[in-house]
Amino acid sequence: MGSPVADDAAELRAAYLATRRLLATRDALAAQRAVLTLCADLGAAVATADAEVPDSVPMDLSLGEGVPLLPVTSDPRVRALLTRYLAPAVLDARLVVERVRTSERLLEMATIDVLTGVWGRQSLMFAINHARPGDCVALIDLDNFKTVNDTLGHEAGDATLAGFAVHLRGAIRDRDIAGRYGGEEFVVVLPATTLDDASAVLARLRESWVASSFPLVTFSAGLASVTESDGEHQQAGQIAMRAADALMYKAKAAGRDRWECQPLSSQGSTGLEGATA
């Protein structure tokens, strides 16, 4: 392996580079690559734990991803190097992987509404705030939902919300974003969509929902176009959201089980005021 001085320098450099890679890694696969690279730099091969290869070192390099991997060497000096340099790197890599997995879980919790499986409010607000002119926003509210909770119990209410979310996901297009705004309210952001096309999405939703196993609950909605905002502090998506909210209440006042769209003159986009389901 060359002179001891040269070997020590190479080993220290390999350990240093592995540490740098671990500090920069963002996923379990990259952490595993850093560990395997260090193993090779120290002069050891890798084998699967179930292969029962002689001279394997009981040090799992898989980091919980796939089949356990063990370093293999018969050289006592390399085995000592594995203990000195590889073992701490594996421990660090496991900490990195756990950190990444924790971050992923937190991100999932922040993104998805646990009960319904659609986007949660925080991520939904991000989508609304980044809506652009030409998009549409629909605010949907389940009619008489409180009656379900009061007469059938909160489990039935939760089942209704979860069931509606399933039908909502089935009615929207791949590019549309659906989320739970809060309580029994849902929002759909429809990119690059006319009011007519957005109304067609709500029509598909109603057709599917009417045929479901929740006949006691209907929905009312307001549908608004996103236009240029009037001021720097007014985001276009938020303005459309307020308009959709007002239209949703108009639909409820008109008898529920329907949706209201902005008039053509209001937003300069095709649509029908007072469109019913």
Protein backbone atom coordinates (compact mmCIF):
# COMPACT_ATOMS: atom_id res chain seq x y z
CA MET A 1 0.00 0.00 0.00
CA GLY A 2 3.05 2.33 -0.17
CA SER A 3 4.85 4.14 2.61
CA PRO A 4 3.07 4.53 5.97
CA VAL A 5 3.17 8.34 5.71
CA ALA A 6 1.58 8.30 2.27
CA ASP A 7 -0.99 5.77 3.45
CA ASP A 8 -1.91 7.85 6.49
CA ALA A 9 -2.34 10.94 4.35
CA ALA A 10 -4.55 9.10 1.86
CA GLU A 11 -6.67 7.60 4.62
CA LEU A 12 -7.13 10.95 6.34
CA ARG A 13 -8.05 12.54 3.03
CA ALA A 14 -10.59 9.78 2.32
CA ALA A 15 -12.18 10.25 5.74
CA TYR A 16 -12.22 14.04 5.27
CA LEU A 17 -13.90 13.78 1.87
CA ALA A 18 -16.46 11.31 3.22
CA THR A 19 -17.31 13.74 6.04
CA ARG A 20 -17.71 16.58 3.54
CA ARG A 21 -20.03 14.43 1.43
CA LEU A 22 -22.13 13.54 4.47
CA LEU A 23 -22.45 17.17 5.49
CA ALA A 24 -23.73 18.06 2.03
CA THR A 25 -26.00 15.08 1.45
CA ARG A 26 -29.77 15.50 1.32
CA ASP A 27 -31.05 11.92 1.06
CA ALA A 28 -30.36 8.39 2.24
CA LEU A 29 -28.96 7.23 -1.11
CA ALA A 30 -26.31 9.97 -1.16
CA ALA A 31 -25.33 9.16 2.43
CA GLN A 32 -24.97 5.50 1.50
CA ARG A 33 -22.79 6.41 -1.49
CA ALA A 34 -20.49 8.43 0.80
CA VAL A 35 -20.12 5.47 3.15
CA LEU A 36 -19.48 2.98 0.33
CA THR A 37 -16.92 5.30 -1.27
CA LEU A 38 -15.03 5.58 2.01
CA CYS A 39 -15.14 1.79 2.38
CA ALA A 40 -13.54 1.39 -1.06
CA ASP A 41 -10.98 4.14 -0.38
CA LEU A 42 -9.88 2.30 2.76
CA GLY A 43 -9.30 -0.87 0.73
CA ALA A 44 -12.33 -3.03 1.57
CA ALA A 45 -14.85 -4.71 -0.71
CA VAL A 46 -18.60 -4.90 -0.07
CA ALA A 47 -20.85 -7.97 0.11
CA THR A 48 -24.45 -8.61 1.07
CA ALA A 49 -24.98 -9.90 4.57
CA ASP A 50 -26.89 -12.97 3.38
CA ALA A 51 -24.01 -14.11 1.16
CA GLU A 52 -22.01 -15.38 4.16
CA VAL A 53 -18.73 -14.18 2.67
CA PRO A 54 -15.64 -15.04 4.76
CA ASP A 55 -13.75 -12.10 6.33
CA SER A 56 -16.82 -9.87 6.37
CA VAL A 57 -16.89 -7.17 9.03
CA PRO A 58 -20.14 -6.89 11.09
CA MET A 59 -20.80 -3.29 10.12
CA ASP A 60 -24.05 -2.62 8.23
CA LEU A 61 -23.46 -0.11 5.44
CA SER A 62 -27.02 -0.20 4.03
CA LEU A 63 -28.37 2.51 6.38
CA GLY A 64 -31.73 0.76 6.36
CA GLU A 65 -32.08 0.95 2.58
CA GLY A 66 -32.39 -2.44 0.88
CA VAL A 67 -30.30 -5.52 1.67
CA PRO A 68 -27.72 -5.09 4.49
CA LEU A 69 -24.21 -4.56 3.11
CA LEU A 70 -21.01 -5.55 4.93
CA PRO A 71 -17.38 -4.55 4.28
CA VAL A 72 -15.12 -7.50 3.47
CA THR A 73 -11.34 -7.76 3.96
CA SER A 74 -8.78 -10.20 5.34
CA ASP A 75 -6.13 -7.51 5.79
CA PRO A 76 -5.81 -6.78 9.54
CA ARG A 77 -4.59 -3.24 8.83
CA VAL A 78 -7.62 -2.49 6.66
CA ARG A 79 -9.91 -3.95 9.32
CA ALA A 80 -8.34 -1.56 11.82
CA LEU A 81 -8.90 1.32 9.40
CA LEU A 82 -12.54 0.36 9.03
CA THR A 83 -12.99 0.58 12.78
CA ARG A 84 -11.10 3.84 12.98
CA TYR A 85 -12.61 5.70 10.04
CA LEU A 86 -15.59 3.83 8.62
CA ALA A 87 -17.45 3.15 11.88
CA PRO A 88 -17.76 6.88 12.78
CA ALA A 89 -18.78 7.66 9.20
CA VAL A 90 -21.54 5.04 9.34
CA LEU A 91 -22.79 6.50 12.62
CA ASP A 92 -22.81 10.01 11.11
CA ALA A 93 -24.55 8.73 8.00
CA ARG A 94 -27.28 7.13 10.10
CA LEU A 95 -27.83 10.46 11.86
CA VAL A 96 -28.03 12.21 8.47
CA VAL A 97 -30.53 9.66 7.15
CA GLU A 98 -32.69 9.99 10.25
CA ARG A 99 -32.62 13.78 9.89
CA VAL A 100 -33.67 13.50 6.24
CA ARG A 101 -36.49 11.09 7.07
CA THR A 102 -37.70 13.36 9.88
CA SER A 103 -37.71 16.33 7.50
CA GLU A 104 -39.66 14.31 4.94
CA ARG A 105 -42.25 13.35 7.55
CA LEU A 106 -42.60 16.97 8.66
CA LEU A 107 -42.92 18.09 5.05
CA GLU A 108 -45.62 15.51 4.41
CA MET A 109 -47.48 16.60 7.53
CA ALA A 110 -47.25 20.24 6.43
CA THR A 111 -48.35 19.47 2.89
CA ILE A 112 -51.15 16.93 3.25
CA ASP A 113 -54.32 17.19 5.32
CA VAL A 114 -54.23 14.03 7.43
CA LEU A 115 -57.97 13.37 7.39
CA THR A 116 -58.71 13.93 3.70
CA GLY A 117 -55.42 13.29 1.91
CA VAL A 118 -55.64 16.52 -0.11
CA TRP A 119 -53.37 19.53 0.38
CA GLY A 120 -53.41 21.13 3.82
CA ARG A 121 -54.11 24.80 4.40
CA GLN A 122 -50.49 25.92 4.58
CA SER A 123 -49.58 24.46 1.18
CA LEU A 124 -52.94 25.49 -0.23
CA MET A 125 -52.29 29.12 0.73
CA PHE A 126 -48.94 28.90 -1.05
CA ALA A 127 -50.73 27.78 -4.22
CA ILE A 128 -53.34 30.55 -3.89
CA ASN A 129 -50.68 33.20 -3.34
CA HIS A 130 -48.84 32.04 -6.45
CA ALA A 131 -51.91 31.87 -8.71
CA ARG A 132 -51.52 33.91 -11.89
CA PRO A 133 -53.92 35.80 -14.20
CA GLY A 134 -55.80 33.28 -16.31
CA ASP A 135 -56.11 30.79 -13.44
CA CYS A 136 -59.36 30.08 -11.59
CA VAL A 137 -60.09 29.54 -7.92
CA ALA A 138 -63.09 27.58 -6.60
CA LEU A 139 -64.18 27.64 -2.96
CA ILE A 140 -66.42 24.69 -2.08
CA ASP A 141 -68.45 24.27 1.10
CA LEU A 142 -70.43 21.18 2.10
CA ASP A 143 -74.06 22.10 2.76
CA ASN A 144 -75.61 21.36 6.16
CA PHE A 145 -72.47 19.56 7.28
CA LYS A 146 -73.11 20.41 10.92
CA THR A 147 -76.27 18.31 10.76
CA VAL A 148 -74.17 15.24 9.93
CA ASN A 149 -72.00 15.76 13.00
CA ASP A 150 -74.97 16.51 15.24
CA THR A 151 -77.18 13.61 14.13
CA LEU A 152 -74.75 10.89 13.05
CA GLY A 153 -71.64 11.77 15.06
CA HIS A 154 -68.20 13.08 14.28
CA GLU A 155 -67.00 9.77 12.82
CA ALA A 156 -69.67 10.09 10.15
CA GLY A 157 -68.60 13.69 9.62
CA ASP A 158 -64.99 12.66 9.16
CA ALA A 159 -66.03 9.92 6.73
CA THR A 160 -68.02 12.47 4.74
CA LEU A 161 -65.04 14.82 4.48
CA ALA A 162 -62.69 12.02 3.49
CA GLY A 163 -65.21 10.70 0.95
CA PHE A 164 -65.72 14.11 -0.59
CA ALA A 165 -61.97 14.53 -0.97
CA VAL A 166 -61.81 11.25 -2.90
CA HIS A 167 -64.45 12.48 -5.34
CA LEU A 168 -62.77 15.88 -5.55
CA ARG A 169 -59.45 14.32 -6.54
CA GLY A 170 -61.25 12.22 -9.13
CA ALA A 171 -62.97 15.23 -10.69
CA ILE A 172 -60.01 17.57 -11.09
CA ARG A 173 -57.35 17.39 -13.78
CA ASP A 174 -53.71 16.47 -13.23
CA ARG A 175 -52.60 20.09 -13.24
CA ASP A 176 -55.27 21.26 -10.76
CA ILE A 177 -54.59 21.63 -7.03
CA ALA A 178 -57.18 20.62 -4.44
CA GLY A 179 -56.93 21.21 -0.72
CA ARG A 180 -58.91 21.45 2.48
CA TYR A 181 -59.22 25.11 3.44
CA GLY A 182 -60.64 24.35 6.87
CA GLY A 183 -63.63 22.59 8.43
CA GLU A 184 -65.90 21.50 5.58
CA GLU A 185 -64.44 23.96 3.06
CA PHE A 186 -62.26 22.92 0.13
CA VAL A 187 -60.42 24.99 -2.46
CA VAL A 188 -59.39 24.10 -6.00
CA VAL A 189 -56.81 26.13 -7.91
CA LEU A 190 -57.18 25.58 -11.66
CA PRO A 191 -54.20 26.87 -13.66
CA ALA A 192 -54.76 28.45 -17.09
CA THR A 193 -58.49 27.71 -17.03
CA THR A 194 -61.56 29.62 -18.21
CA LEU A 195 -64.61 29.89 -16.01
CA ASP A 196 -66.49 27.60 -18.40
CA ASP A 197 -63.84 24.88 -18.10
CA ALA A 198 -63.65 25.35 -14.33
CA SER A 199 -67.43 25.03 -14.13
CA ALA A 200 -67.16 21.76 -16.06
CA VAL A 201 -64.82 20.46 -13.32
CA LEU A 202 -67.44 21.29 -10.68
CA ALA A 203 -70.09 19.59 -12.83
CA ARG A 204 -68.01 16.40 -12.90
CA LEU A 205 -67.58 16.64 -9.16
CA ARG A 206 -71.30 17.04 -8.55
CA GLU A 207 -72.19 14.13 -10.85
CA SER A 208 -69.74 11.89 -9.03
CA TRP A 209 -70.78 13.11 -5.56
CA VAL A 210 -74.51 12.68 -6.21
CA ALA A 211 -73.89 9.05 -7.14
CA SER A 212 -71.88 8.44 -3.96
CA SER A 213 -72.97 6.97 -0.64
CA PHE A 214 -73.40 10.43 0.94
CA PRO A 215 -76.82 11.51 -0.36
CA LEU A 216 -77.61 13.79 2.59
CA VAL A 217 -74.79 16.24 1.83
CA THR A 218 -74.63 18.58 -1.15
CA PHE A 219 -72.12 21.33 -1.84
CA SER A 220 -72.18 25.00 -2.76
CA ALA A 221 -69.29 26.78 -4.45
CA GLY A 222 -68.01 30.09 -5.69
CA LEU A 223 -65.86 30.27 -8.80
CA ALA A 224 -63.65 33.26 -9.66
CA SER A 225 -60.96 34.13 -12.20
CA VAL A 226 -57.54 35.36 -11.18
CA THR A 227 -56.75 38.78 -12.69
CA GLU A 228 -54.01 41.36 -12.30
CA SER A 229 -53.96 42.76 -8.75
CA ASP A 230 -54.62 46.44 -8.20
CA GLY A 231 -51.78 47.04 -5.76
CA GLU A 232 -48.39 45.70 -4.70
CA HIS A 233 -49.76 44.36 -1.42
CA GLN A 234 -52.75 42.58 -2.94
CA GLN A 235 -51.85 39.25 -4.45
CA ALA A 236 -54.02 38.26 -7.40
CA GLY A 237 -54.82 34.83 -5.96
CA GLN A 238 -56.02 36.29 -2.68
CA ILE A 239 -58.32 38.72 -4.51
CA ALA A 240 -59.82 35.82 -6.49
CA MET A 241 -60.19 33.84 -3.28
CA ARG A 242 -62.20 36.63 -1.66
CA ALA A 243 -64.38 36.84 -4.75
CA ALA A 244 -64.95 33.08 -4.71
CA ASP A 245 -65.86 33.28 -1.02
CA ALA A 246 -68.51 35.93 -1.70
CA LEU A 247 -69.88 33.92 -4.62
CA MET A 248 -70.05 30.78 -2.48
CA TYR A 249 -72.21 32.58 0.08
CA LYS A 250 -74.36 33.87 -2.78
CA ALA A 251 -74.88 30.27 -3.91
CA LYS A 252 -75.92 29.27 -0.40
CA ALA A 253 -78.35 32.18 -0.20
CA ALA A 254 -79.82 31.11 -3.55
CA GLY A 255 -80.75 27.69 -2.18
CA ARG A 256 -77.50 25.68 -1.88
CA ASP A 257 -76.53 22.68 -4.03
CA ARG A 258 -75.20 25.02 -6.74
CA TRP A 259 -72.28 27.27 -7.63
CA GLU A 260 -71.96 30.87 -8.69
CA CYS A 261 -69.46 32.20 -11.23
CA GLN A 262 -68.26 35.72 -11.79
CA PRO A 263 -70.09 37.59 -14.56
CA LEU A 264 -68.30 38.12 -17.84
CA SER A 265 -68.12 41.86 -17.31
CA SER A 266 -66.40 41.45 -13.93
CA GLN A 267 -63.36 39.47 -15.01
CA GLY A 268 -63.29 39.48 -18.78
CA SER A 269 -63.46 35.70 -18.95
CA THR A 270 -66.18 33.40 -20.14
CA GLY A 271 -68.49 32.25 -17.38
CA LEU A 272 -72.09 32.17 -16.27
CA GLU A 273 -73.30 34.09 -13.27
CA GLY A 274 -75.50 31.95 -11.11
CA ALA A 275 -74.57 28.72 -12.91
CA THR A 276 -76.32 25.84 -11.22
CA ALA A 277 -75.20 22.28 -10.84
